[in-house]
């Protein structure tokens, strides 16, 4: 069980629209930073900073595969967040359009 302070810090991390968008995207599947950059239409340094904050906050995992790092949600110890993430708008249409353009 997390303390009020820990929960407050976690919820503050999600108060940023870019980080919330990243979480919504990762709800569908794991992704590398380049895909997240393309889907959010922002810069790689910007997304990397947001990913670092989410990782430090324990909200995402990273896994290295060759030269790429893939990110996925890490909500097993935060059941209260799973309910929040499940209520985010679906990003499936954006992912489908991205895939139809020949992107991963």
PDB file of N, CA and C in Angstrom:
ATOM      1  N   UNK A   1       0.842  -1.179   0.000  1.00  0.00           N
ATOM      2  CA  UNK A   1       0.000   0.000   0.000  1.00  0.00           C
ATOM      3  C   UNK A   1       0.885   1.240   0.000  1.00  0.00           C
ATOM      4  N   UNK A   2       0.609   2.146  -0.893  1.00  0.00           N
ATOM      5  CA  UNK A   2       1.385   3.374  -0.982  1.00  0.00           C
ATOM      6  C   UNK A   2       0.849   4.419  -0.017  1.00  0.00           C
ATOM      7  N   UNK A   3       1.732   5.302   0.410  1.00  0.00           N
ATOM      8  CA  UNK A   3       1.331   6.395   1.288  1.00  0.00           C
ATOM      9  C   UNK A   3       0.650   7.487   0.464  1.00  0.00           C
ATOM     10  N   UNK A   4      -0.005   8.385   1.161  1.00  0.00           N
ATOM     11  CA  UNK A   4      -0.648   9.532   0.501  1.00  0.00           C
ATOM     12  C   UNK A   4       0.390  10.345  -0.262  1.00  0.00           C
ATOM     13  N   UNK A   5       1.574  10.539   0.325  1.00  0.00           N
ATOM     14  CA  UNK A   5       2.624  11.320  -0.334  1.00  0.00           C
ATOM     15  C   UNK A   5       3.071  10.646  -1.628  1.00  0.00           C
ATOM     16  N   UNK A   6       3.249   9.326  -1.598  1.00  0.00           N
ATOM     17  CA  UNK A   6       3.662   8.599  -2.807  1.00  0.00           C
ATOM     18  C   UNK A   6       2.579   8.675  -3.876  1.00  0.00           C
ATOM     19  N   UNK A   7       1.334   8.503  -3.460  1.00  0.00           N
ATOM     20  CA  UNK A   7       0.228   8.592  -4.416  1.00  0.00           C
ATOM     21  C   UNK A   7       0.127   9.995  -4.997  1.00  0.00           C
ATOM     22  N   UNK A   8       0.322  11.009  -4.169  1.00  0.00           N
ATOM     23  CA  UNK A   8       0.275  12.391  -4.632  1.00  0.00           C
ATOM     24  C   UNK A   8       1.349  12.645  -5.683  1.00  0.00           C
ATOM     25  N   UNK A   9       2.568  12.180  -5.405  1.00  0.00           N
ATOM     26  CA  UNK A   9       3.665  12.346  -6.359  1.00  0.00           C
ATOM     27  C   UNK A   9       3.339  11.646  -7.686  1.00  0.00           C
ATOM     28  N   UNK A  10       2.806  10.443  -7.607  1.00  0.00           N
ATOM     29  CA  UNK A  10       2.462   9.685  -8.814  1.00  0.00           C
ATOM     30  C   UNK A  10       1.393  10.402  -9.624  1.00  0.00           C
ATOM     31  N   UNK A  11       0.369  10.878  -8.939  1.00  0.00           N
ATOM     32  CA  UNK A  11      -0.705  11.571  -9.651  1.00  0.00           C
ATOM     33  C   UNK A  11      -0.222  12.888 -10.254  1.00  0.00           C
ATOM     34  N   UNK A  12       0.723  13.561  -9.592  1.00  0.00           N
ATOM     35  CA  UNK A  12       1.301  14.783 -10.163  1.00  0.00           C
ATOM     36  C   UNK A  12       2.044  14.476 -11.460  1.00  0.00           C
ATOM     37  N   UNK A  13       2.706  13.323 -11.515  1.00  0.00           N
ATOM     38  CA  UNK A  13       3.392  12.933 -12.753  1.00  0.00           C
ATOM     39  C   UNK A  13       2.409  12.861 -13.914  1.00  0.00           C
ATOM     40  N   UNK A  14       1.197  12.434 -13.627  1.00  0.00           N
ATOM     41  CA  UNK A  14       0.194  12.276 -14.681  1.00  0.00           C
ATOM     42  C   UNK A  14      -0.567  13.560 -14.987  1.00  0.00           C
ATOM     43  N   UNK A  15      -0.253  14.636 -14.288  1.00  0.00           N
ATOM     44  CA  UNK A  15      -0.953  15.892 -14.552  1.00  0.00           C
ATOM     45  C   UNK A  15      -0.453  16.583 -15.815  1.00  0.00           C
ATOM     46  N   UNK A  16       0.632  16.091 -16.391  1.00  0.00           N
ATOM     47  CA  UNK A  16       1.169  16.644 -17.631  1.00  0.00           C
ATOM     48  C   UNK A  16       0.528  15.927 -18.820  1.00  0.00           C
ATOM     49  N   UNK A  17       0.028  16.675 -19.794  1.00  0.00           N
ATOM     50  CA  UNK A  17      -0.691  16.059 -20.917  1.00  0.00           C
ATOM     51  C   UNK A  17       0.208  15.166 -21.770  1.00  0.00           C
ATOM     52  N   UNK A  18       1.471  15.505 -21.925  1.00  0.00           N
ATOM     53  CA  UNK A  18       2.371  14.654 -22.711  1.00  0.00           C
ATOM     54  C   UNK A  18       2.594  13.324 -22.006  1.00  0.00           C
ATOM     55  N   UNK A  19       2.820  13.357 -20.699  1.00  0.00           N
ATOM     56  CA  UNK A  19       3.027  12.106 -19.969  1.00  0.00           C
ATOM     57  C   UNK A  19       1.752  11.266 -19.966  1.00  0.00           C
ATOM     58  N   UNK A  20       0.614  11.918 -19.866  1.00  0.00           N
ATOM     59  CA  UNK A  20      -0.658  11.190 -19.903  1.00  0.00           C
ATOM     60  C   UNK A  20      -0.874  10.556 -21.282  1.00  0.00           C
ATOM     61  N   UNK A  21      -0.478  11.268 -22.336  1.00  0.00           N
ATOM     62  CA  UNK A  21      -0.572  10.719 -23.693  1.00  0.00           C
ATOM     63  C   UNK A  21       0.348   9.516 -23.845  1.00  0.00           C
ATOM     64  N   UNK A  22       1.549   9.605 -23.311  1.00  0.00           N
ATOM     65  CA  UNK A  22       2.488   8.476 -23.362  1.00  0.00           C
ATOM     66  C   UNK A  22       1.875   7.261 -22.665  1.00  0.00           C
ATOM     67  N   UNK A  23       1.288   7.480 -21.500  1.00  0.00           N
ATOM     68  CA  UNK A  23       0.660   6.376 -20.768  1.00  0.00           C
ATOM     69  C   UNK A  23      -0.494   5.780 -21.577  1.00  0.00           C
ATOM     70  N   UNK A  24      -1.265   6.631 -22.243  1.00  0.00           N
ATOM     71  CA  UNK A  24      -2.376   6.140 -23.066  1.00  0.00           C
ATOM     72  C   UNK A  24      -1.858   5.305 -24.232  1.00  0.00           C
ATOM     73  N   UNK A  25      -0.762   5.726 -24.838  1.00  0.00           N
ATOM     74  CA  UNK A  25      -0.172   4.955 -25.932  1.00  0.00           C
ATOM     75  C   UNK A  25       0.361   3.611 -25.432  1.00  0.00           C
ATOM     76  N   UNK A  26       1.054   3.634 -24.307  1.00  0.00           N
ATOM     77  CA  UNK A  26       1.644   2.404 -23.777  1.00  0.00           C
ATOM     78  C   UNK A  26       0.587   1.442 -23.253  1.00  0.00           C
ATOM     79  N   UNK A  27      -0.602   1.936 -23.048  1.00  0.00           N
ATOM     80  CA  UNK A  27      -1.707   1.056 -22.633  1.00  0.00           C
ATOM     81  C   UNK A  27      -1.990   0.021 -23.717  1.00  0.00           C
ATOM     82  N   UNK A  28      -1.742   0.407 -24.962  1.00  0.00           N
ATOM     83  CA  UNK A  28      -2.026  -0.488 -26.093  1.00  0.00           C
ATOM     84  C   UNK A  28      -0.901  -1.477 -26.371  1.00  0.00           C
ATOM     85  N   UNK A  29       0.346  -0.997 -26.242  1.00  0.00           N
ATOM     86  CA  UNK A  29       1.487  -1.883 -26.505  1.00  0.00           C
ATOM     87  C   UNK A  29       2.776  -1.197 -26.079  1.00  0.00           C
ATOM     88  N   UNK A  30       3.846  -1.991 -25.957  1.00  0.00           N
ATOM     89  CA  UNK A  30       5.142  -1.382 -25.655  1.00  0.00           C
ATOM     90  C   UNK A  30       5.659  -0.676 -26.900  1.00  0.00           C
ATOM     91  N   UNK A  31       6.479   0.328 -26.686  1.00  0.00           N
ATOM     92  CA  UNK A  31       6.961   1.145 -27.795  1.00  0.00           C
ATOM     93  C   UNK A  31       8.378   1.622 -27.541  1.00  0.00           C
ATOM     94  N   UNK A  32       9.079   1.902 -28.630  1.00  0.00           N
ATOM     95  CA  UNK A  32      10.389   2.529 -28.510  1.00  0.00           C
ATOM     96  C   UNK A  32      10.196   4.046 -28.558  1.00  0.00           C
ATOM     97  N   UNK A  33      11.209   4.760 -28.139  1.00  0.00           N
ATOM     98  CA  UNK A  33      11.111   6.214 -28.039  1.00  0.00           C
ATOM     99  C   UNK A  33      10.835   6.853 -29.405  1.00  0.00           C
ATOM    100  N   UNK A  34      11.388   6.295 -30.462  1.00  0.00           N
ATOM    101  CA  UNK A  34      11.178   6.893 -31.791  1.00  0.00           C
ATOM    102  C   UNK A  34       9.703   6.835 -32.198  1.00  0.00           C
ATOM    103  N   UNK A  35       9.011   5.738 -31.852  1.00  0.00           N
ATOM    104  CA  UNK A  35       7.582   5.648 -32.158  1.00  0.00           C
ATOM    105  C   UNK A  35       6.784   6.664 -31.347  1.00  0.00           C
ATOM    106  N   UNK A  36       7.140   6.804 -30.073  1.00  0.00           N
ATOM    107  CA  UNK A  36       6.440   7.763 -29.219  1.00  0.00           C
ATOM    108  C   UNK A  36       6.649   9.188 -29.728  1.00  0.00           C
ATOM    109  N   UNK A  37       7.862   9.492 -30.174  1.00  0.00           N
ATOM    110  CA  UNK A  37       8.163  10.817 -30.738  1.00  0.00           C
ATOM    111  C   UNK A  37       7.269  11.073 -31.951  1.00  0.00           C
ATOM    112  N   UNK A  38       7.198  10.108 -32.863  1.00  0.00           N
ATOM    113  CA  UNK A  38       6.382  10.285 -34.068  1.00  0.00           C
ATOM    114  C   UNK A  38       4.894  10.434 -33.733  1.00  0.00           C
ATOM    115  N   UNK A  39       4.416   9.624 -32.807  1.00  0.00           N
ATOM    116  CA  UNK A  39       2.995   9.641 -32.465  1.00  0.00           C
ATOM    117  C   UNK A  39       2.580  10.894 -31.701  1.00  0.00           C
ATOM    118  N   UNK A  40       3.476  11.443 -30.922  1.00  0.00           N
ATOM    119  CA  UNK A  40       3.146  12.650 -30.158  1.00  0.00           C
ATOM    120  C   UNK A  40       3.516  13.932 -30.897  1.00  0.00           C
ATOM    121  N   UNK A  41       4.236  13.779 -32.000  1.00  0.00           N
ATOM    122  CA  UNK A  41       4.653  14.921 -32.821  1.00  0.00           C
ATOM    123  C   UNK A  41       5.437  15.956 -32.014  1.00  0.00           C
ATOM    124  N   UNK A  42       6.392  15.458 -31.266  1.00  0.00           N
ATOM    125  CA  UNK A  42       7.260  16.337 -30.485  1.00  0.00           C
ATOM    126  C   UNK A  42       8.698  15.863 -30.657  1.00  0.00           C
ATOM    127  N   UNK A  43       9.602  16.447 -29.916  1.00  0.00           N
ATOM    128  CA  UNK A  43      11.015  16.137 -30.114  1.00  0.00           C
ATOM    129  C   UNK A  43      11.473  14.961 -29.256  1.00  0.00           C
ATOM    130  N   UNK A  44      12.550  14.330 -29.691  1.00  0.00           N
ATOM    131  CA  UNK A  44      13.115  13.206 -28.949  1.00  0.00           C
ATOM    132  C   UNK A  44      13.600  13.629 -27.562  1.00  0.00           C
ATOM    133  N   UNK A  45      14.308  14.767 -27.412  1.00  0.00           N
ATOM    134  CA  UNK A  45      14.719  15.175 -26.065  1.00  0.00           C
ATOM    135  C   UNK A  45      13.531  15.406 -25.119  1.00  0.00           C
ATOM    136  N   UNK A  46      12.460  15.972 -25.654  1.00  0.00           N
ATOM    137  CA  UNK A  46      11.257  16.212 -24.849  1.00  0.00           C
ATOM    138  C   UNK A  46      10.672  14.887 -24.355  1.00  0.00           C
ATOM    139  N   UNK A  47      10.494  13.941 -25.263  1.00  0.00           N
ATOM    140  CA  UNK A  47       9.924  12.641 -24.888  1.00  0.00           C
ATOM    141  C   UNK A  47      10.860  11.903 -23.936  1.00  0.00           C
ATOM    142  N   UNK A  48      12.153  11.977 -24.177  1.00  0.00           N
ATOM    143  CA  UNK A  48      13.109  11.309 -23.287  1.00  0.00           C
ATOM    144  C   UNK A  48      13.014  11.843 -21.860  1.00  0.00           C
ATOM    145  N   UNK A  49      12.826  13.142 -21.705  1.00  0.00           N
ATOM    146  CA  UNK A  49      12.677  13.720 -20.365  1.00  0.00           C
ATOM    147  C   UNK A  49      11.401  13.217 -19.685  1.00  0.00           C
ATOM    148  N   UNK A  50      10.323  13.155 -20.449  1.00  0.00           N
ATOM    149  CA  UNK A  50       9.061  12.648 -19.892  1.00  0.00           C
ATOM    150  C   UNK A  50       9.186  11.167 -19.526  1.00  0.00           C
ATOM    151  N   UNK A  51       9.824  10.377 -20.390  1.00  0.00           N
ATOM    152  CA  UNK A  51      10.011   8.957 -20.098  1.00  0.00           C
ATOM    153  C   UNK A  51      10.872   8.757 -18.852  1.00  0.00           C
ATOM    154  N   UNK A  52      11.879   9.589 -18.697  1.00  0.00           N
ATOM    155  CA  UNK A  52      12.746   9.502 -17.516  1.00  0.00           C
ATOM    156  C   UNK A  52      11.937   9.744 -16.246  1.00  0.00           C
ATOM    157  N   UNK A  53      11.066  10.753 -16.257  1.00  0.00           N
ATOM    158  CA  UNK A  53      10.234  11.055 -15.094  1.00  0.00           C
ATOM    159  C   UNK A  53       9.272   9.910 -14.801  1.00  0.00           C
ATOM    160  N   UNK A  54       8.670   9.355 -15.850  1.00  0.00           N
ATOM    161  CA  UNK A  54       7.741   8.236 -15.660  1.00  0.00           C
ATOM    162  C   UNK A  54       8.463   7.003 -15.123  1.00  0.00           C
ATOM    163  N   UNK A  55       9.680   6.762 -15.613  1.00  0.00           N
ATOM    164  CA  UNK A  55      10.453   5.611 -15.143  1.00  0.00           C
ATOM    165  C   UNK A  55      10.872   5.819 -13.687  1.00  0.00           C
ATOM    166  N   UNK A  56      11.367   6.999 -13.365  1.00  0.00           N
ATOM    167  CA  UNK A  56      11.771   7.309 -11.990  1.00  0.00           C
ATOM    168  C   UNK A  56      10.577   7.180 -11.041  1.00  0.00           C
ATOM    169  N   UNK A  57       9.404   7.533 -11.505  1.00  0.00           N
ATOM    170  CA  UNK A  57       8.185   7.431 -10.706  1.00  0.00           C
ATOM    171  C   UNK A  57       7.634   6.021 -10.639  1.00  0.00           C
ATOM    172  N   UNK A  58       8.279   5.087 -11.328  1.00  0.00           N
ATOM    173  CA  UNK A  58       7.849   3.692 -11.279  1.00  0.00           C
ATOM    174  C   UNK A  58       6.612   3.381 -12.101  1.00  0.00           C
ATOM    175  N   UNK A  59       6.304   4.234 -13.089  1.00  0.00           N
ATOM    176  CA  UNK A  59       5.101   4.034 -13.891  1.00  0.00           C
ATOM    177  C   UNK A  59       5.345   3.260 -15.180  1.00  0.00           C
ATOM    178  N   UNK A  60       6.603   3.206 -15.599  1.00  0.00           N
ATOM    179  CA  UNK A  60       6.927   2.462 -16.823  1.00  0.00           C
ATOM    180  C   UNK A  60       8.182   1.621 -16.600  1.00  0.00           C
ATOM    181  N   UNK A  61       8.291   0.591 -17.416  1.00  0.00           N
ATOM    182  CA  UNK A  61       9.484  -0.259 -17.473  1.00  0.00           C
ATOM    183  C   UNK A  61      10.206   0.039 -18.766  1.00  0.00           C
ATOM    184  N   UNK A  62      11.505  -0.240 -18.789  1.00  0.00           N
ATOM    185  CA  UNK A  62      12.239  -0.177 -20.046  1.00  0.00           C
ATOM    186  C   UNK A  62      12.985  -1.480 -20.227  1.00  0.00           C
ATOM    187  N   UNK A  63      13.051  -1.908 -21.486  1.00  0.00           N
ATOM    188  CA  UNK A  63      13.724  -3.151 -21.824  1.00  0.00           C
ATOM    189  C   UNK A  63      14.555  -2.912 -23.078  1.00  0.00           C
ATOM    190  N   UNK A  64      15.830  -3.235 -23.003  1.00  0.00           N
ATOM    191  CA  UNK A  64      16.730  -3.032 -24.143  1.00  0.00           C
ATOM    192  C   UNK A  64      16.665  -4.241 -25.067  1.00  0.00           C
ATOM    193  N   UNK A  65      16.522  -3.962 -26.352  1.00  0.00           N
ATOM    194  CA  UNK A  65      16.594  -4.973 -27.410  1.00  0.00           C
ATOM    195  C   UNK A  65      17.528  -4.431 -28.482  1.00  0.00           C
ATOM    196  N   UNK A  66      18.720  -5.004 -28.515  1.00  0.00           N
ATOM    197  CA  UNK A  66      19.765  -4.510 -29.404  1.00  0.00           C
ATOM    198  C   UNK A  66      20.026  -3.036 -29.111  1.00  0.00           C
ATOM    199  N   UNK A  67      19.913  -2.170 -30.119  1.00  0.00           N
ATOM    200  CA  UNK A  67      20.186  -0.743 -29.878  1.00  0.00           C
ATOM    201  C   UNK A  67      18.949   0.029 -29.427  1.00  0.00           C
ATOM    202  N   UNK A  68      17.789  -0.617 -29.369  1.00  0.00           N
ATOM    203  CA  UNK A  68      16.548   0.066 -29.035  1.00  0.00           C
ATOM    204  C   UNK A  68      16.135  -0.207 -27.590  1.00  0.00           C
ATOM    205  N   UNK A  69      15.502   0.774 -26.983  1.00  0.00           N
ATOM    206  CA  UNK A  69      14.907   0.599 -25.662  1.00  0.00           C
ATOM    207  C   UNK A  69      13.396   0.696 -25.836  1.00  0.00           C
ATOM    208  N   UNK A  70      12.701  -0.321 -25.329  1.00  0.00           N
ATOM    209  CA  UNK A  70      11.243  -0.372 -25.410  1.00  0.00           C
ATOM    210  C   UNK A  70      10.637  -0.078 -24.041  1.00  0.00           C
ATOM    211  N   UNK A  71       9.552   0.675 -24.053  1.00  0.00           N
ATOM    212  CA  UNK A  71       8.881   1.085 -22.824  1.00  0.00           C
ATOM    213  C   UNK A  71       7.516   0.424 -22.741  1.00  0.00           C
ATOM    214  N   UNK A  72       7.135   0.087 -21.507  1.00  0.00           N
ATOM    215  CA  UNK A  72       5.823  -0.509 -21.249  1.00  0.00           C
ATOM    216  C   UNK A  72       5.325  -0.015 -19.885  1.00  0.00           C
ATOM    217  N   UNK A  73       4.031  -0.177 -19.660  1.00  0.00           N
ATOM    218  CA  UNK A  73       3.447   0.259 -18.392  1.00  0.00           C
ATOM    219  C   UNK A  73       3.908  -0.639 -17.249  1.00  0.00           C
ATOM    220  N   UNK A  74       3.991  -0.060 -16.078  1.00  0.00           N
ATOM    221  CA  UNK A  74       4.339  -0.787 -14.851  1.00  0.00           C
ATOM    222  C   UNK A  74       3.342  -0.376 -13.777  1.00  0.00           C
ATOM    223  N   UNK A  75       2.186  -1.017 -13.781  1.00  0.00           N
ATOM    224  CA  UNK A  75       1.113  -0.613 -12.872  1.00  0.00           C
ATOM    225  C   UNK A  75       0.708  -1.706 -11.894  1.00  0.00           C
ATOM    226  N   UNK A  76       1.417  -2.814 -11.872  1.00  0.00           N
ATOM    227  CA  UNK A  76       1.023  -3.932 -11.018  1.00  0.00           C
ATOM    228  C   UNK A  76       0.919  -3.546  -9.546  1.00  0.00           C
ATOM    229  N   UNK A  77       1.797  -2.677  -9.081  1.00  0.00           N
ATOM    230  CA  UNK A  77       1.768  -2.276  -7.678  1.00  0.00           C
ATOM    231  C   UNK A  77       0.967  -0.991  -7.452  1.00  0.00           C
ATOM    232  N   UNK A  78       0.236  -0.555  -8.506  1.00  0.00           N
ATOM    233  CA  UNK A  78      -0.564   0.676  -8.409  1.00  0.00           C
ATOM    234  C   UNK A  78      -1.960   0.442  -8.978  1.00  0.00           C
ATOM    235  N   UNK A  79      -2.766  -0.399  -8.318  1.00  0.00           N
ATOM    236  CA  UNK A  79      -4.095  -0.715  -8.875  1.00  0.00           C
ATOM    237  C   UNK A  79      -4.983   0.516  -9.039  1.00  0.00           C
ATOM    238  N   UNK A  80      -4.803   1.523  -8.207  1.00  0.00           N
ATOM    239  CA  UNK A  80      -5.598   2.745  -8.330  1.00  0.00           C
ATOM    240  C   UNK A  80      -5.306   3.463  -9.652  1.00  0.00           C
ATOM    241  N   UNK A  81      -4.084   3.323 -10.183  1.00  0.00           N
ATOM    242  CA  UNK A  81      -3.739   3.964 -11.453  1.00  0.00           C
ATOM    243  C   UNK A  81      -4.283   3.207 -12.642  1.00  0.00           C
ATOM    244  N   UNK A  82      -4.374   1.911 -12.525  1.00  0.00           N
ATOM    245  CA  UNK A  82      -4.906   1.108 -13.634  1.00  0.00           C
ATOM    246  C   UNK A  82      -6.305   1.593 -14.002  1.00  0.00           C
ATOM    247  N   UNK A  83      -7.094   1.914 -12.997  1.00  0.00           N
ATOM    248  CA  UNK A  83      -8.442   2.415 -13.260  1.00  0.00           C
ATOM    249  C   UNK A  83      -8.408   3.761 -13.985  1.00  0.00           C
ATOM    250  N   UNK A  84      -7.471   4.612 -13.616  1.00  0.00           N
ATOM    251  CA  UNK A  84      -7.329   5.912 -14.286  1.00  0.00           C
ATOM    252  C   UNK A  84      -6.900   5.705 -15.733  1.00  0.00           C
ATOM    253  N   UNK A  85      -5.882   4.888 -15.951  1.00  0.00           N
ATOM    254  CA  UNK A  85      -5.354   4.639 -17.290  1.00  0.00           C
ATOM    255  C   UNK A  85      -6.422   4.009 -18.185  1.00  0.00           C
ATOM    256  N   UNK A  86      -7.224   3.120 -17.618  1.00  0.00           N
ATOM    257  CA  UNK A  86      -8.291   2.474 -18.395  1.00  0.00           C
ATOM    258  C   UNK A  86      -9.337   3.474 -18.873  1.00  0.00           C
ATOM    259  N   UNK A  87      -9.432   4.626 -18.223  1.00  0.00           N
ATOM    260  CA  UNK A  87     -10.414   5.643 -18.609  1.00  0.00           C
ATOM    261  C   UNK A  87      -9.890   6.639 -19.643  1.00  0.00           C
ATOM    262  N   UNK A  88      -8.597   6.552 -19.966  1.00  0.00           N
ATOM    263  CA  UNK A  88      -8.034   7.460 -20.970  1.00  0.00           C
ATOM    264  C   UNK A  88      -8.623   7.165 -22.341  1.00  0.00           C
ATOM    265  N   UNK A  89      -8.746   8.181 -23.178  1.00  0.00           N
ATOM    266  CA  UNK A  89      -9.235   7.938 -24.538  1.00  0.00           C
ATOM    267  C   UNK A  89      -8.322   6.933 -25.257  1.00  0.00           C
ATOM    268  N   UNK A  90      -8.930   6.112 -26.074  1.00  0.00           N
ATOM    269  CA  UNK A  90      -8.167   5.113 -26.824  1.00  0.00           C
ATOM    270  C   UNK A  90      -7.262   5.789 -27.855  1.00  0.00           C
ATOM    271  N   UNK A  91      -6.079   5.256 -27.985  1.00  0.00           N
ATOM    272  CA  UNK A  91      -5.119   5.739 -28.977  1.00  0.00           C
ATOM    273  C   UNK A  91      -5.035   4.765 -30.150  1.00  0.00           C
ATOM    274  N   UNK A  92      -5.951   3.809 -30.202  1.00  0.00           N
ATOM    275  CA  UNK A  92      -5.880   2.773 -31.223  1.00  0.00           C
ATOM    276  C   UNK A  92      -5.977   3.350 -32.634  1.00  0.00           C
ATOM    277  N   UNK A  93      -6.836   4.331 -32.862  1.00  0.00           N
ATOM    278  CA  UNK A  93      -6.951   4.931 -34.193  1.00  0.00           C
ATOM    279  C   UNK A  93      -5.637   5.590 -34.602  1.00  0.00           C
ATOM    280  N   UNK A  94      -4.997   6.268 -33.678  1.00  0.00           N
ATOM    281  CA  UNK A  94      -3.711   6.907 -33.962  1.00  0.00           C
ATOM    282  C   UNK A  94      -2.654   5.847 -34.268  1.00  0.00           C
ATOM    283  N   UNK A  95      -2.660   4.754 -33.505  1.00  0.00           N
ATOM    284  CA  UNK A  95      -1.706   3.668 -33.753  1.00  0.00           C
ATOM    285  C   UNK A  95      -1.960   2.986 -35.095  1.00  0.00           C
ATOM    286  N   UNK A  96      -3.241   2.809 -35.445  1.00  0.00           N
ATOM    287  CA  UNK A  96      -3.567   2.198 -36.739  1.00  0.00           C
ATOM    288  C   UNK A  96      -3.117   3.086 -37.902  1.00  0.00           C
ATOM    289  N   UNK A  97      -3.331   4.390 -37.794  1.00  0.00           N
ATOM    290  CA  UNK A  97      -2.898   5.321 -38.839  1.00  0.00           C
ATOM    291  C   UNK A  97      -1.390   5.322 -38.942  1.00  0.00           C
ATOM    292  N   UNK A  98      -0.721   5.271 -37.829  1.00  0.00           N
ATOM    293  CA  UNK A  98       0.743   5.226 -37.776  1.00  0.00           C
ATOM    294  C   UNK A  98       1.250   3.975 -38.483  1.00  0.00           C
ATOM    295  N   UNK A  99       0.615   2.849 -38.205  1.00  0.00           N
ATOM    296  CA  UNK A  99       1.006   1.582 -38.815  1.00  0.00           C
ATOM    297  C   UNK A  99       0.743   1.585 -40.325  1.00  0.00           C
ATOM    298  N   UNK A 100      -0.368   2.189 -40.742  1.00  0.00           N
ATOM    299  CA  UNK A 100      -0.696   2.216 -42.173  1.00  0.00           C
ATOM    300  C   UNK A 100       0.270   3.092 -42.974  1.00  0.00           C
ATOM    301  N   UNK A 101       1.002   3.983 -42.282  1.00  0.00           N
ATOM    302  CA  UNK A 101       1.995   4.822 -42.930  1.00  0.00           C
ATOM    303  C   UNK A 101       3.336   4.098 -43.061  1.00  0.00           C
ATOM    304  N   UNK A 102       3.340   2.824 -42.643  1.00  0.00           N
ATOM    305  CA  UNK A 102       4.560   2.035 -42.757  1.00  0.00           C
ATOM    306  C   UNK A 102       5.458   2.112 -41.549  1.00  0.00           C
ATOM    307  N   UNK A 103       4.954   2.691 -40.470  1.00  0.00           N
ATOM    308  CA  UNK A 103       5.738   2.773 -39.238  1.00  0.00           C
ATOM    309  C   UNK A 103       5.420   1.546 -38.386  1.00  0.00           C
ATOM    310  N   UNK A 104       6.265   1.292 -37.398  1.00  0.00           N
ATOM    311  CA  UNK A 104       6.045   0.113 -36.560  1.00  0.00           C
ATOM    312  C   UNK A 104       4.924   0.263 -35.583  1.00  0.00           C
TER     313      UNK A 104
END
